[in-house]
Protein backbone atom coordinates (compact mmCIF):
# COMPACT_ATOMS: atom_id res chain seq x y z
CA MET A 1 -99.83 -64.38 -192.74
CA ASP A 2 -101.61 -64.14 -195.24
CA LYS A 3 -102.45 -67.35 -197.47
CA ARG A 4 -104.35 -66.28 -200.28
CA GLN A 5 -103.33 -68.03 -203.92
CA ALA A 6 -102.96 -65.12 -205.61
CA PRO A 7 -102.53 -61.20 -204.76
CA ARG A 8 -105.51 -59.05 -204.42
CA THR A 9 -106.30 -55.19 -205.81
CA ARG A 10 -108.24 -52.88 -203.04
CA MET A 11 -111.38 -51.67 -204.28
CA ILE A 12 -114.49 -49.83 -203.27
CA LYS A 13 -117.06 -50.52 -206.51
CA ARG A 14 -120.55 -51.99 -206.98
CA GLY A 15 -120.86 -55.26 -207.90
CA ARG A 16 -124.11 -57.65 -207.75
CA ILE A 17 -124.71 -61.25 -206.13
CA ILE A 18 -127.18 -62.95 -208.40
CA SER A 19 -128.14 -66.46 -207.52
CA ALA A 20 -131.30 -68.80 -207.88
CA GLU A 21 -133.32 -66.91 -204.94
CA THR A 22 -132.53 -63.37 -205.34
CA VAL A 23 -130.36 -60.91 -207.05
CA LEU A 24 -128.32 -58.10 -203.67
CA ASP A 25 -126.37 -55.37 -204.63
CA CYS A 26 -122.84 -55.44 -202.63
CA VAL A 27 -119.26 -53.68 -202.57
CA VAL A 28 -116.78 -55.34 -204.15
CA LEU A 29 -114.02 -54.47 -201.74
CA ASP A 30 -111.03 -56.61 -203.19
CA LEU A 31 -110.59 -58.58 -206.27
CA SER A 32 -107.76 -61.54 -207.25
CA THR A 33 -108.11 -64.00 -210.12
CA THR A 34 -109.06 -66.60 -207.49
CA GLY A 35 -111.83 -64.88 -205.76
CA ALA A 36 -112.72 -61.48 -204.28
CA GLY A 37 -113.97 -59.86 -200.71
CA ILE A 38 -117.66 -58.33 -200.70
CA TYR A 39 -119.50 -56.13 -197.96
CA LEU A 40 -123.35 -56.57 -198.59
CA PRO A 41 -126.10 -53.29 -197.54
CA ARG A 42 -126.68 -55.65 -194.46
CA SER A 43 -125.99 -59.13 -192.51
CA MET A 44 -128.01 -61.80 -194.15
CA ASP A 45 -127.25 -65.04 -195.40
CA MET A 46 -125.73 -65.48 -198.31
CA PRO A 47 -126.15 -68.81 -200.83
CA GLU A 48 -123.31 -71.43 -201.42
CA THR A 49 -122.89 -70.62 -205.14
CA MET A 50 -123.45 -67.91 -206.77
CA LEU A 51 -122.70 -65.56 -209.78
CA LEU A 52 -120.69 -61.69 -208.89
CA ARG A 53 -121.32 -59.40 -211.19
CA LEU A 54 -118.47 -57.32 -210.81
CA PRO A 55 -117.43 -53.91 -211.76
CA GLY A 56 -117.21 -53.19 -215.82
CA GLY A 57 -120.02 -55.93 -216.19
CA ALA A 58 -117.74 -59.65 -216.55
CA ILE A 59 -120.12 -62.43 -214.32
CA ARG A 60 -117.83 -64.76 -212.64
CA ALA A 61 -119.12 -68.13 -210.52
CA ALA A 62 -118.30 -68.25 -207.46
CA ARG A 63 -119.39 -69.91 -203.89
CA LEU A 64 -118.82 -68.46 -200.70
CA ARG A 65 -115.28 -69.52 -198.36
CA TRP A 66 -116.39 -67.04 -195.18
CA GLN A 67 -118.60 -64.68 -193.93
CA GLN A 68 -118.96 -62.41 -191.25
CA ASP A 69 -121.77 -60.23 -190.54
CA ALA A 70 -121.93 -58.56 -193.74
CA ALA A 71 -118.39 -58.90 -195.10
CA ALA A 72 -117.96 -62.37 -197.29
CA GLY A 73 -115.33 -63.96 -198.87
CA LEU A 74 -115.79 -65.69 -202.65
CA GLU A 75 -113.78 -67.84 -204.36
CA PHE A 76 -114.09 -68.37 -207.90
CA ILE A 77 -115.26 -71.45 -209.65
């Protein structure tokens, strides 16, 4: 059962994680008004909060909701 608050649009587009500690390229796998699913080039610890630069250039503040290896789910804040 999908418990997401908003439907997500599947995609495979370039994005970027920006935090005080680092800037990381990522792949945006799905996107909704409330969050995004991303994939990193390698498994690593993600910051608790960050900015996500989306395909098209929009930037959203986000919080890490879950992470499994190189995949992560972000909630927009």
